[in-house]
N, C-alpha and C. Protein backbone atom coordinates (compact mmCIF):
# COMPACT_ATOMS: atom_id res chain seq x y z
N MET A 1 16.70 16.98 32.45
CA MET A 1 15.03 16.46 32.19
C MET A 1 13.91 17.60 32.31
N LEU A 2 13.28 17.81 31.92
CA LEU A 2 12.32 18.47 31.46
C LEU A 2 11.23 18.63 32.49
N ASN A 3 10.74 19.33 33.63
CA ASN A 3 9.84 19.06 34.52
C ASN A 3 8.82 19.77 33.99
N LEU A 4 7.52 18.92 33.92
CA LEU A 4 6.16 19.61 33.31
C LEU A 4 5.25 20.25 34.46
N CYS A 5 5.74 19.83 35.55
CA CYS A 5 4.95 20.52 36.60
C CYS A 5 5.01 21.74 36.85
N THR A 6 6.42 22.17 36.48
CA THR A 6 6.95 23.73 36.48
C THR A 6 6.28 24.50 35.51
N ILE A 7 5.73 24.15 34.43
CA ILE A 7 5.52 24.63 33.02
C ILE A 7 3.70 24.96 33.46
N ASP A 8 3.54 26.45 32.92
CA ASP A 8 2.32 26.75 32.88
C ASP A 8 1.44 25.84 32.05
N THR A 9 0.15 25.87 32.07
CA THR A 9 -1.00 25.23 31.41
C THR A 9 -0.71 25.80 30.01
N VAL A 10 -0.70 26.96 29.74
CA VAL A 10 -0.72 27.40 28.20
C VAL A 10 0.44 26.96 27.68
N LYS A 11 1.46 26.91 28.30
CA LYS A 11 3.01 26.43 27.55
C LYS A 11 2.79 24.69 27.63
N LYS A 12 2.13 24.05 28.07
CA LYS A 12 1.75 22.85 28.27
C LYS A 12 1.44 22.50 26.81
N GLY A 13 0.16 23.39 26.66
CA GLY A 13 -0.73 22.83 25.79
C GLY A 13 0.05 23.23 24.47
N ARG A 14 0.65 24.19 24.19
CA ARG A 14 1.90 24.46 22.95
C ARG A 14 2.85 23.47 22.64
N PHE A 15 3.48 23.34 24.09
CA PHE A 15 4.51 21.92 23.82
C PHE A 15 3.70 20.77 23.35
N MET A 16 2.46 20.48 24.05
CA MET A 16 1.93 19.00 23.42
C MET A 16 1.49 18.97 21.70
N LYS A 17 1.05 20.36 21.81
CA LYS A 17 0.62 20.19 20.11
C LYS A 17 1.94 20.13 19.31
N THR A 18 3.20 20.93 19.78
CA THR A 18 4.60 20.92 18.49
C THR A 18 4.72 19.41 18.90
N LEU A 19 4.78 18.63 19.87
CA LEU A 19 5.46 17.38 20.15
C LEU A 19 4.39 16.32 19.14
N THR A 20 2.87 16.65 19.12
CA THR A 20 1.88 15.55 18.75
C THR A 20 2.60 16.16 17.03
N PHE A 21 2.30 17.27 16.81
CA PHE A 21 2.99 17.61 15.16
C PHE A 21 3.98 16.72 14.92
N PHE A 22 5.15 16.92 15.47
CA PHE A 22 6.33 16.17 15.11
C PHE A 22 6.14 14.43 15.33
N ALA A 23 5.42 14.22 15.77
CA ALA A 23 5.50 12.87 15.99
C ALA A 23 4.45 12.16 14.74
N LEU A 24 3.41 13.13 14.58
CA LEU A 24 2.50 12.63 13.09
C LEU A 24 3.58 12.62 12.05
N ALA A 25 4.24 13.87 11.99
CA ALA A 25 5.02 14.20 10.80
C ALA A 25 6.15 13.01 10.71
N LEU A 26 6.72 12.32 11.72
CA LEU A 26 7.60 11.27 11.65
C LEU A 26 6.84 10.00 11.17
N ILE A 27 5.59 9.84 11.76
CA ILE A 27 5.21 8.48 11.46
C ILE A 27 4.86 8.42 9.74
N SER A 28 4.25 9.80 9.38
CA SER A 28 4.11 9.96 8.06
C SER A 28 5.54 9.59 6.93
N PHE A 29 6.23 10.39 7.24
CA PHE A 29 7.37 10.47 6.50
C PHE A 29 8.18 9.22 6.50
N SER A 30 8.13 8.41 7.65
CA SER A 30 8.66 6.99 7.78
C SER A 30 7.67 6.12 6.93
N SER A 31 6.46 6.16 6.99
CA SER A 31 5.45 5.02 6.23
C SER A 31 5.78 5.09 4.72
N PHE A 32 5.85 6.62 4.20
CA PHE A 32 6.33 6.79 2.79
C PHE A 32 7.46 6.45 2.40
N SER A 33 8.34 6.14 3.07
CA SER A 33 9.67 5.74 2.89
C SER A 33 10.29 4.49 3.14
N ASN A 34 9.14 3.77 3.97
CA ASN A 34 9.50 2.59 4.31
C ASN A 34 9.10 1.60 3.14
N PRO A 35 9.85 0.81 2.61
CA PRO A 35 9.77 -0.31 1.36
C PRO A 35 8.81 -1.28 1.76
N ILE A 36 8.30 -1.55 3.38
CA ILE A 36 7.68 -2.76 3.43
C ILE A 36 6.01 -2.13 3.30
N ILE A 37 5.72 -0.56 3.61
CA ILE A 37 4.72 -0.15 3.67
C ILE A 37 4.18 0.40 2.11
N PHE A 38 4.98 0.82 1.33
CA PHE A 38 4.46 1.63 0.25
C PHE A 38 3.68 1.13 -0.31
N PRO A 39 3.70 0.28 -0.85
CA PRO A 39 2.56 -0.50 -1.52
C PRO A 39 1.08 -0.25 -0.98
N PHE A 40 0.89 -0.07 0.56
CA PHE A 40 -0.41 0.12 0.93
C PHE A 40 -0.95 1.31 0.71
N ASN A 41 0.25 2.48 0.44
CA ASN A 41 0.05 3.80 0.15
C ASN A 41 -0.74 4.06 -1.13
N CYS A 42 -0.81 3.15 -2.32
CA CYS A 42 -0.80 2.90 -3.53
C CYS A 42 -1.95 1.83 -3.86
N SER A 43 -2.92 1.84 -2.92
CA SER A 43 -4.03 0.75 -3.06
C SER A 43 -5.08 1.04 -3.29
N LEU A 44 -5.66 2.18 -3.63
CA LEU A 44 -6.56 2.49 -4.00
C LEU A 44 -6.61 3.21 -5.64
N PHE A 45 -7.73 2.69 -6.34
CA PHE A 45 -8.11 3.01 -7.92
C PHE A 45 -7.15 3.50 -8.56
N HIS A 46 -7.07 4.62 -8.51
CA HIS A 46 -6.33 5.11 -9.79
C HIS A 46 -4.32 5.03 -9.56
N ARG A 47 -4.22 5.18 -8.14
CA ARG A 47 -3.12 5.14 -7.35
C ARG A 47 -2.41 3.59 -7.28
N TYR A 48 -3.50 2.29 -7.57
CA TYR A 48 -3.01 1.39 -7.73
C TYR A 48 -2.91 0.84 -9.19
N ASP A 49 -3.71 1.45 -10.12
CA ASP A 49 -3.27 1.31 -11.53
C ASP A 49 -2.14 2.09 -11.80
N ASN A 50 -1.53 3.06 -11.36
CA ASN A 50 -0.34 3.67 -11.72
C ASN A 50 0.82 2.80 -11.04
N PHE A 51 0.66 2.15 -9.51
CA PHE A 51 1.63 1.23 -9.41
C PHE A 51 1.98 0.22 -10.12
N TYR A 52 0.51 -0.54 -10.52
CA TYR A 52 1.04 -1.37 -10.97
C TYR A 52 1.09 -1.79 -12.46
N LEU A 53 0.81 -0.74 -13.45
CA LEU A 53 1.03 -0.49 -14.62
C LEU A 53 2.32 0.04 -14.78
N SER A 54 2.83 0.56 -14.00
CA SER A 54 4.33 0.92 -13.70
C SER A 54 5.25 -0.09 -13.65
N ALA A 55 5.03 -0.88 -12.72
CA ALA A 55 5.66 -2.28 -12.40
C ALA A 55 5.44 -3.29 -13.79
N ALA A 56 4.45 -3.14 -14.34
CA ALA A 56 4.56 -4.07 -15.51
C ALA A 56 5.41 -3.72 -16.40
N SER A 57 5.44 -2.21 -16.77
CA SER A 57 6.18 -1.67 -17.92
C SER A 57 7.75 -1.92 -17.53
N THR A 58 8.02 -1.82 -16.06
CA THR A 58 9.10 -2.53 -15.98
C THR A 58 9.63 -3.99 -15.95
N MET A 59 8.78 -4.83 -15.73
CA MET A 59 8.89 -6.41 -15.71
C MET A 59 9.08 -6.50 -17.29
N ASP A 60 8.00 -5.96 -17.98
CA ASP A 60 8.42 -6.41 -19.55
C ASP A 60 8.14 -5.12 -20.37
N PRO A 61 8.97 -4.40 -20.58
CA PRO A 61 9.08 -3.30 -21.53
C PRO A 61 8.30 -3.18 -22.73
N LYS A 62 8.16 -4.53 -23.18
CA LYS A 62 7.21 -4.72 -24.69
C LYS A 62 5.84 -5.04 -24.36
N LEU A 63 5.09 -4.95 -23.48
CA LEU A 63 4.13 -5.33 -23.14
C LEU A 63 3.21 -4.27 -23.47
N GLU A 64 2.37 -4.41 -24.09
CA GLU A 64 1.12 -3.37 -24.65
C GLU A 64 0.30 -3.10 -23.32
N LEU A 65 0.18 -1.73 -22.82
CA LEU A 65 -0.60 -1.54 -21.53
C LEU A 65 -1.04 -0.23 -21.87
N PRO A 66 -2.33 -0.05 -21.34
CA PRO A 66 -3.32 0.86 -21.38
C PRO A 66 -2.49 2.55 -20.41
N SER A 67 -2.81 3.58 -20.48
CA SER A 67 -2.45 4.72 -20.14
C SER A 67 -3.30 4.51 -18.55
N ALA A 68 -2.37 4.99 -17.54
CA ALA A 68 -3.59 5.26 -16.50
C ALA A 68 -4.38 6.55 -16.22
N GLN A 69 -5.60 6.34 -16.11
CA GLN A 69 -6.77 7.11 -15.98
C GLN A 69 -5.91 8.59 -15.50
N TYR A 70 -5.57 8.77 -14.02
CA TYR A 70 -4.83 9.93 -13.77
C TYR A 70 -3.35 9.48 -13.30
N ASN A 71 -2.51 10.45 -13.33
CA ASN A 71 -1.24 10.39 -13.18
C ASN A 71 -0.82 10.56 -11.92
N ASP A 72 -0.20 9.58 -11.32
CA ASP A 72 0.27 9.91 -9.84
C ASP A 72 1.76 9.53 -9.68
N GLU A 73 2.64 10.25 -9.63
CA GLU A 73 3.93 10.36 -10.35
C GLU A 73 4.83 9.40 -8.92
N PHE A 74 3.79 9.53 -7.73
CA PHE A 74 4.42 8.70 -6.32
C PHE A 74 4.41 7.22 -6.66
N CYS A 75 3.19 6.89 -6.78
CA CYS A 75 2.90 5.49 -7.28
C CYS A 75 3.53 4.96 -8.38
N TRP A 76 3.96 5.85 -9.39
CA TRP A 76 4.32 5.35 -10.59
C TRP A 76 5.94 4.90 -10.29
N GLU A 77 6.54 5.72 -9.33
CA GLU A 77 7.77 5.33 -9.45
C GLU A 77 7.91 4.33 -8.07
N MET A 78 6.99 4.35 -7.17
CA MET A 78 6.82 3.25 -6.35
C MET A 78 6.98 1.80 -6.80
N GLY A 79 5.99 1.92 -8.01
CA GLY A 79 5.90 0.71 -9.00
C GLY A 79 7.16 0.17 -9.52
N LYS A 80 7.70 0.98 -9.98
CA LYS A 80 9.06 0.71 -10.92
C LYS A 80 10.12 0.24 -9.97
N ARG A 81 10.03 0.83 -8.68
CA ARG A 81 10.85 0.23 -7.68
C ARG A 81 10.55 -0.77 -7.02
N HIS A 82 9.30 -1.04 -6.81
CA HIS A 82 9.07 -2.32 -6.24
C HIS A 82 9.42 -3.58 -7.70
N ALA A 83 9.01 -3.27 -8.90
CA ALA A 83 9.35 -4.45 -9.81
C ALA A 83 11.25 -4.70 -10.02
N ASN A 84 11.41 -3.71 -9.96
CA ASN A 84 13.00 -3.62 -10.04
C ASN A 84 13.78 -4.24 -9.01
N GLU A 85 13.09 -4.24 -7.49
CA GLU A 85 13.48 -5.06 -6.30
C GLU A 85 13.07 -6.56 -6.49
N SER A 86 12.05 -6.79 -6.88
CA SER A 86 11.67 -8.28 -7.42
C SER A 86 12.61 -9.00 -8.40
N LEU A 87 13.02 -8.04 -9.40
CA LEU A 87 13.59 -8.60 -10.25
C LEU A 87 15.26 -9.06 -9.68
N ALA A 88 15.70 -7.99 -8.82
CA ALA A 88 16.95 -8.05 -8.43
C ALA A 88 17.01 -9.24 -7.37
N GLN A 89 15.71 -9.46 -6.90
CA GLN A 89 15.42 -10.74 -5.65
C GLN A 89 15.69 -12.25 -6.60
N ALA A 90 14.96 -12.06 -7.82
CA ALA A 90 14.46 -13.11 -8.61
C ALA A 90 16.38 -13.65 -9.32
N GLU A 91 16.78 -12.43 -9.50
CA GLU A 91 18.26 -12.63 -10.26
C GLU A 91 19.29 -13.33 -8.87
N GLU A 92 19.11 -12.96 -7.22
CA GLU A 92 19.59 -13.38 -6.66
C GLU A 92 19.45 -14.68 -6.28
N ASP A 93 18.15 -15.05 -6.48
CA ASP A 93 17.73 -16.22 -6.36
C ASP A 93 17.80 -17.24 -7.72
N TRP A 94 18.62 -16.77 -8.76
CA TRP A 94 18.78 -17.45 -9.63
C TRP A 94 17.53 -18.11 -10.48
N ARG A 95 16.27 -16.87 -10.64
CA ARG A 95 15.23 -17.62 -11.07
C ARG A 95 14.62 -16.45 -11.92
N LEU A 96 15.62 -15.56 -12.34
CA LEU A 96 15.40 -14.70 -13.07
C LEU A 96 14.02 -15.10 -14.41
N ASP A 97 14.40 -16.14 -15.18
CA ASP A 97 13.57 -16.83 -16.30
C ASP A 97 12.28 -17.17 -15.51
N ASP A 98 12.01 -17.58 -14.44
CA ASP A 98 11.11 -18.03 -13.71
C ASP A 98 10.22 -16.99 -13.24
N CYS A 99 11.11 -15.87 -13.05
CA CYS A 99 10.36 -14.37 -12.54
C CYS A 99 9.45 -13.95 -13.93
N HIS A 100 9.79 -13.95 -14.89
CA HIS A 100 9.38 -13.52 -16.21
C HIS A 100 8.26 -14.53 -16.45
N GLU A 101 8.46 -15.42 -16.40
CA GLU A 101 7.27 -16.63 -16.90
C GLU A 101 5.92 -16.32 -16.04
N ALA A 102 6.46 -16.25 -14.50
CA ALA A 102 5.18 -16.29 -13.58
C ALA A 102 4.54 -14.76 -13.62
N PHE A 103 5.42 -13.85 -14.11
CA PHE A 103 4.91 -12.46 -14.38
C PHE A 103 3.83 -12.52 -15.36
N ASP A 104 4.20 -13.31 -16.61
CA ASP A 104 3.48 -13.44 -17.70
C ASP A 104 2.27 -14.04 -17.66
N TYR A 105 2.57 -15.35 -16.43
CA TYR A 105 1.22 -16.17 -16.13
C TYR A 105 0.49 -15.26 -15.46
N GLY A 106 0.82 -14.49 -14.56
CA GLY A 106 -0.25 -14.00 -13.56
C GLY A 106 -0.87 -12.84 -14.57
N PHE A 107 -0.06 -11.95 -15.46
CA PHE A 107 -0.82 -11.04 -16.25
C PHE A 107 -2.06 -11.39 -16.90
N ASN A 108 -1.62 -12.43 -17.69
CA ASN A 108 -2.78 -13.23 -18.52
C ASN A 108 -3.90 -13.54 -17.59
N GLU A 109 -3.82 -14.28 -16.40
CA GLU A 109 -5.12 -14.56 -15.23
C GLU A 109 -5.81 -12.96 -15.08
N GLY A 110 -4.98 -12.03 -14.50
CA GLY A 110 -5.45 -10.87 -14.25
C GLY A 110 -6.31 -10.29 -15.53
N MET A 111 -5.98 -10.60 -16.99
CA MET A 111 -6.35 -9.70 -17.96
C MET A 111 -8.01 -10.97 -18.02
N GLN A 112 -7.98 -12.05 -17.61
CA GLN A 112 -9.17 -12.79 -17.65
C GLN A 112 -10.01 -12.67 -16.44
N GLY A 113 -9.41 -11.85 -15.65
CA GLY A 113 -10.26 -11.58 -14.32
C GLY A 113 -10.18 -12.25 -13.00
N SER A 114 -9.45 -13.00 -12.90
CA SER A 114 -9.34 -14.29 -11.99
C SER A 114 -7.79 -14.89 -11.77
N GLN A 115 -7.91 -15.16 -10.72
CA GLN A 115 -6.48 -15.94 -10.15
C GLN A 115 -6.94 -17.51 -10.24
N GLU A 116 -6.16 -18.20 -10.66
CA GLU A 116 -6.80 -19.90 -10.90
C GLU A 116 -5.34 -20.50 -10.13
N ASN A 117 -4.41 -20.41 -10.52
CA ASN A 117 -3.16 -21.35 -10.35
C ASN A 117 -1.89 -20.19 -10.02
N MET A 118 -1.12 -20.14 -9.00
CA MET A 118 -0.01 -19.33 -8.52
C MET A 118 0.94 -19.73 -9.22
N GLN A 119 1.86 -19.31 -9.62
CA GLN A 119 3.21 -19.68 -10.36
C GLN A 119 4.44 -19.06 -9.55
N TYR A 120 5.56 -19.63 -9.18
CA TYR A 120 6.28 -19.35 -8.52
C TYR A 120 7.60 -18.56 -9.37
N PRO A 121 8.43 -17.81 -9.08
CA PRO A 121 8.20 -17.06 -7.59
C PRO A 121 6.87 -16.20 -7.61
N THR A 122 6.36 -15.91 -6.46
CA THR A 122 4.98 -15.60 -6.19
C THR A 122 5.27 -14.14 -6.20
N TYR A 123 6.44 -13.13 -5.76
CA TYR A 123 6.33 -11.99 -6.00
C TYR A 123 6.17 -11.49 -7.36
N CYS A 124 6.50 -12.11 -8.11
CA CYS A 124 6.49 -11.77 -9.65
C CYS A 124 5.26 -12.25 -10.25
N TYR A 125 4.45 -13.20 -9.70
CA TYR A 125 3.09 -13.49 -10.29
C TYR A 125 2.52 -12.56 -9.85
N ASN A 126 2.48 -11.97 -8.44
CA ASN A 126 1.44 -11.21 -7.94
C ASN A 126 1.71 -9.62 -8.56
N ILE A 127 2.72 -9.46 -9.14
CA ILE A 127 2.85 -8.29 -10.02
C ILE A 127 2.28 -8.63 -11.06
N GLY A 128 2.34 -9.74 -11.73
CA GLY A 128 1.79 -9.62 -13.11
C GLY A 128 0.30 -9.72 -12.88
N LEU A 129 -0.37 -10.58 -12.05
CA LEU A 129 -1.90 -10.71 -11.58
C LEU A 129 -2.48 -9.25 -11.30
N HIS A 130 -2.02 -8.22 -10.72
CA HIS A 130 -2.35 -7.14 -10.23
C HIS A 130 -2.36 -6.21 -11.36
N SER A 131 -1.18 -6.19 -12.18
CA SER A 131 -1.10 -5.54 -13.47
C SER A 131 -2.17 -5.72 -14.55
N GLY A 132 -2.21 -7.22 -14.73
CA GLY A 132 -3.41 -7.54 -15.41
C GLY A 132 -4.90 -6.96 -14.84
N PHE A 133 -5.18 -7.08 -13.84
CA PHE A 133 -6.30 -6.49 -13.52
C PHE A 133 -6.42 -4.92 -13.57
N SER A 134 -5.43 -4.07 -13.26
CA SER A 134 -5.13 -2.90 -14.06
C SER A 134 -5.39 -2.77 -15.52
N ALA A 135 -4.90 -3.57 -16.07
CA ALA A 135 -4.87 -3.51 -17.72
C ALA A 135 -6.09 -3.60 -18.22
N LEU A 136 -6.79 -4.43 -17.56
CA LEU A 136 -8.13 -5.02 -18.12
C LEU A 136 -8.89 -3.89 -17.60
N SER A 137 -9.19 -3.41 -16.62
CA SER A 137 -9.86 -2.16 -16.04
C SER A 137 -9.73 -0.96 -16.98
N ASN A 138 -8.43 -0.61 -17.28
CA ASN A 138 -8.20 0.31 -18.26
C ASN A 138 -8.14 0.13 -19.62
N PHE A 139 -7.97 -0.62 -20.25
CA PHE A 139 -8.76 -0.93 -21.56
C PHE A 139 -9.88 -0.99 -21.66
N ALA A 140 -10.67 -1.48 -20.69
CA ALA A 140 -11.99 -1.19 -20.85
C ALA A 140 -12.78 0.28 -20.61
N ARG A 141 -11.98 1.06 -20.08
CA ARG A 141 -12.32 2.34 -19.84
C ARG A 141 -11.82 2.94 -21.05
N GLU A 142 -10.88 2.49 -21.90
CA GLU A 142 -10.20 3.11 -23.18
C GLU A 142 -11.29 2.86 -24.23
N GLY A 143 -12.11 1.61 -24.11
CA GLY A 143 -12.72 1.15 -24.83
C GLY A 143 -12.13 0.35 -25.97
N ARG A 144 -11.09 -0.53 -25.65
CA ARG A 144 -10.22 -1.37 -26.51
C ARG A 144 -11.15 -2.52 -26.53
N GLU A 145 -12.15 -2.73 -27.52
CA GLU A 145 -12.84 -4.01 -27.69
C GLU A 145 -11.94 -4.97 -28.45
N ASP A 146 -10.77 -4.66 -29.02
CA ASP A 146 -9.72 -5.71 -29.71
C ASP A 146 -9.28 -6.37 -28.54
N ILE A 147 -9.35 -5.93 -27.34
CA ILE A 147 -8.20 -6.48 -26.21
C ILE A 147 -9.39 -7.05 -25.41
N VAL A 148 -10.42 -6.40 -24.88
CA VAL A 148 -11.20 -6.89 -23.65
C VAL A 148 -12.73 -7.40 -24.27
N GLY A 149 -12.71 -7.22 -25.39
CA GLY A 149 -14.03 -7.61 -25.92
C GLY A 149 -15.36 -6.97 -25.71
N ARG A 150 -16.32 -7.19 -26.65
CA ARG A 150 -17.76 -6.77 -26.40
C ARG A 150 -18.33 -6.61 -25.23
N LYS A 151 -18.24 -7.91 -24.63
CA LYS A 151 -19.30 -8.24 -23.17
C LYS A 151 -18.31 -7.29 -22.24
N CYS A 152 -17.24 -7.32 -22.30
CA CYS A 152 -16.53 -6.39 -20.94
C CYS A 152 -16.88 -4.88 -21.19
N LEU A 153 -16.94 -4.34 -22.44
CA LEU A 153 -17.34 -3.05 -22.49
C LEU A 153 -18.60 -2.75 -22.14
N LYS A 154 -19.51 -4.07 -22.45
CA LYS A 154 -21.08 -3.57 -22.09
C LYS A 154 -21.22 -3.66 -20.70
N SER A 155 -20.16 -4.33 -20.09
CA SER A 155 -20.21 -4.63 -18.53
C SER A 155 -19.90 -3.21 -18.21
N PHE A 156 -18.56 -2.69 -18.69
CA PHE A 156 -18.12 -1.25 -17.91
C PHE A 156 -19.26 -0.36 -18.13
N GLU A 157 -19.85 -0.20 -19.12
CA GLU A 157 -20.77 0.78 -19.29
C GLU A 157 -22.07 0.48 -18.49
N ARG A 158 -22.58 -0.58 -18.22
CA ARG A 158 -23.39 -0.79 -17.18
C ARG A 158 -22.99 -0.60 -15.54
N GLY A 159 -21.88 -0.74 -15.32
CA GLY A 159 -21.38 -0.22 -14.16
C GLY A 159 -21.34 1.11 -14.03
N LYS A 160 -20.75 1.68 -15.32
CA LYS A 160 -20.94 3.17 -15.29
C LYS A 160 -22.22 4.01 -14.83
N GLU A 161 -23.40 3.46 -15.32
CA GLU A 161 -24.69 3.87 -15.15
C GLU A 161 -24.93 3.81 -13.89
N ASP A 162 -24.69 2.39 -13.35
CA ASP A 162 -24.98 2.27 -11.85
C ASP A 162 -24.15 2.91 -11.11
N GLY A 163 -22.96 3.36 -11.32
CA GLY A 163 -22.52 3.97 -10.15
C GLY A 163 -23.10 5.75 -10.26
N ARG A 164 -23.18 6.34 -11.58
CA ARG A 164 -23.63 7.50 -11.46
C ARG A 164 -25.21 7.43 -11.03
N ALA A 165 -25.87 6.39 -11.06
CA ALA A 165 -27.16 6.35 -10.56
C ALA A 165 -27.41 6.32 -9.08
N ASN A 166 -26.33 5.81 -8.76
CA ASN A 166 -25.87 5.47 -7.12
C ASN A 166 -26.74 4.41 -6.63
N ARG A 167 -26.65 3.24 -7.63
CA ARG A 167 -27.15 2.02 -7.27
C ARG A 167 -26.48 1.36 -6.63
N PRO A 168 -26.93 0.10 -5.96
CA PRO A 168 -25.91 -0.91 -5.62
C PRO A 168 -25.51 -1.77 -6.63
N GLN A 169 -24.06 -2.25 -6.35
CA GLN A 169 -23.19 -3.04 -7.56
C GLN A 169 -24.12 -4.02 -7.52
N SER A 170 -23.95 -4.59 -8.84
CA SER A 170 -24.58 -6.32 -9.34
C SER A 170 -23.45 -6.34 -10.31
N PRO A 171 -22.42 -6.83 -10.13
CA PRO A 171 -21.55 -6.90 -11.24
C PRO A 171 -21.68 -8.27 -12.00
N GLY A 172 -22.41 -8.90 -11.60
CA GLY A 172 -22.92 -10.76 -12.19
C GLY A 172 -21.44 -11.62 -11.50
N TRP A 173 -21.73 -12.82 -12.38
CA TRP A 173 -20.89 -13.95 -11.80
C TRP A 173 -19.58 -14.28 -12.57
N ASP A 174 -19.49 -13.65 -13.38
CA ASP A 174 -18.53 -14.09 -14.52
C ASP A 174 -17.30 -12.74 -13.97
N ASN A 175 -16.04 -13.45 -13.60
CA ASN A 175 -15.03 -12.75 -12.90
C ASN A 175 -14.40 -11.61 -14.10
N LYS A 176 -14.27 -11.79 -15.21
CA LYS A 176 -13.64 -10.92 -16.41
C LYS A 176 -15.02 -9.72 -15.94
N LEU A 177 -16.01 -10.05 -16.27
CA LEU A 177 -17.06 -9.21 -16.65
C LEU A 177 -16.98 -8.51 -15.45
N ALA A 178 -16.77 -8.95 -14.15
CA ALA A 178 -17.31 -7.86 -12.79
C ALA A 178 -15.85 -7.09 -12.72
N VAL A 179 -14.94 -7.46 -13.27
CA VAL A 179 -13.49 -6.54 -13.17
C VAL A 179 -14.07 -5.40 -14.27
N CYS A 180 -14.54 -5.61 -15.20
CA CYS A 180 -14.75 -4.35 -16.09
C CYS A 180 -16.25 -3.97 -15.33
N TYR A 181 -17.13 -4.40 -14.81
CA TYR A 181 -18.30 -3.52 -14.30
C TYR A 181 -17.56 -2.76 -13.03
N ARG A 182 -16.84 -3.05 -12.23
CA ARG A 182 -16.38 -2.13 -11.04
C ARG A 182 -15.46 -0.84 -11.42
N ALA A 183 -14.72 -1.51 -12.45
CA ALA A 183 -13.88 -0.33 -13.39
C ALA A 183 -14.79 1.00 -13.73
N GLY A 184 -15.95 0.43 -14.29
CA GLY A 184 -17.28 1.39 -14.31
C GLY A 184 -17.75 1.96 -13.75
N TYR A 185 -18.04 1.28 -12.68
CA TYR A 185 -18.86 1.55 -11.44
C TYR A 185 -17.92 2.70 -10.84
N ASN A 186 -16.55 2.42 -10.33
CA ASN A 186 -15.64 3.44 -9.85
C ASN A 186 -15.08 4.66 -10.40
N LEU A 187 -15.61 4.79 -11.59
CA LEU A 187 -15.09 5.54 -12.49
C LEU A 187 -15.21 7.27 -11.77
């Protein structure tokens, strides 16, 4: 047993700094490798897009998807892993066809900018919904009027102007246009 009373003050300080460093390193490492926590590390802007666009490409390899604005390999791999785990769970539950259907339904809702009805299994629906939000934002960024429409692109440009001018957000009431606006605003 280490007796801290016999260690002088300088050694105590070094010991505590070393102990704190190792504790923080352990916490950081365990949160990145923990499958329950990893989606939260990929929850902001381009990391979110990488995570969900990757998951969508795993769920439906034939789906037309935009490219992510920035490449984040960690979140891209975590998105693939999450989708593969969801597909494995659906197969184990004998619901693989339902999973693909729920994903497609969620993706279509995400591309419309709103969640209206949840499909089961929900873990597949959620991947689709968030992938749809990411796809809508990135298609707007790419200027794909054929996919998102002219109004979405105008809303995206208005959001970009407001963001650059550091004005408060005013996305409006239409859900799809609000997603397009926020994609431009956060650019």
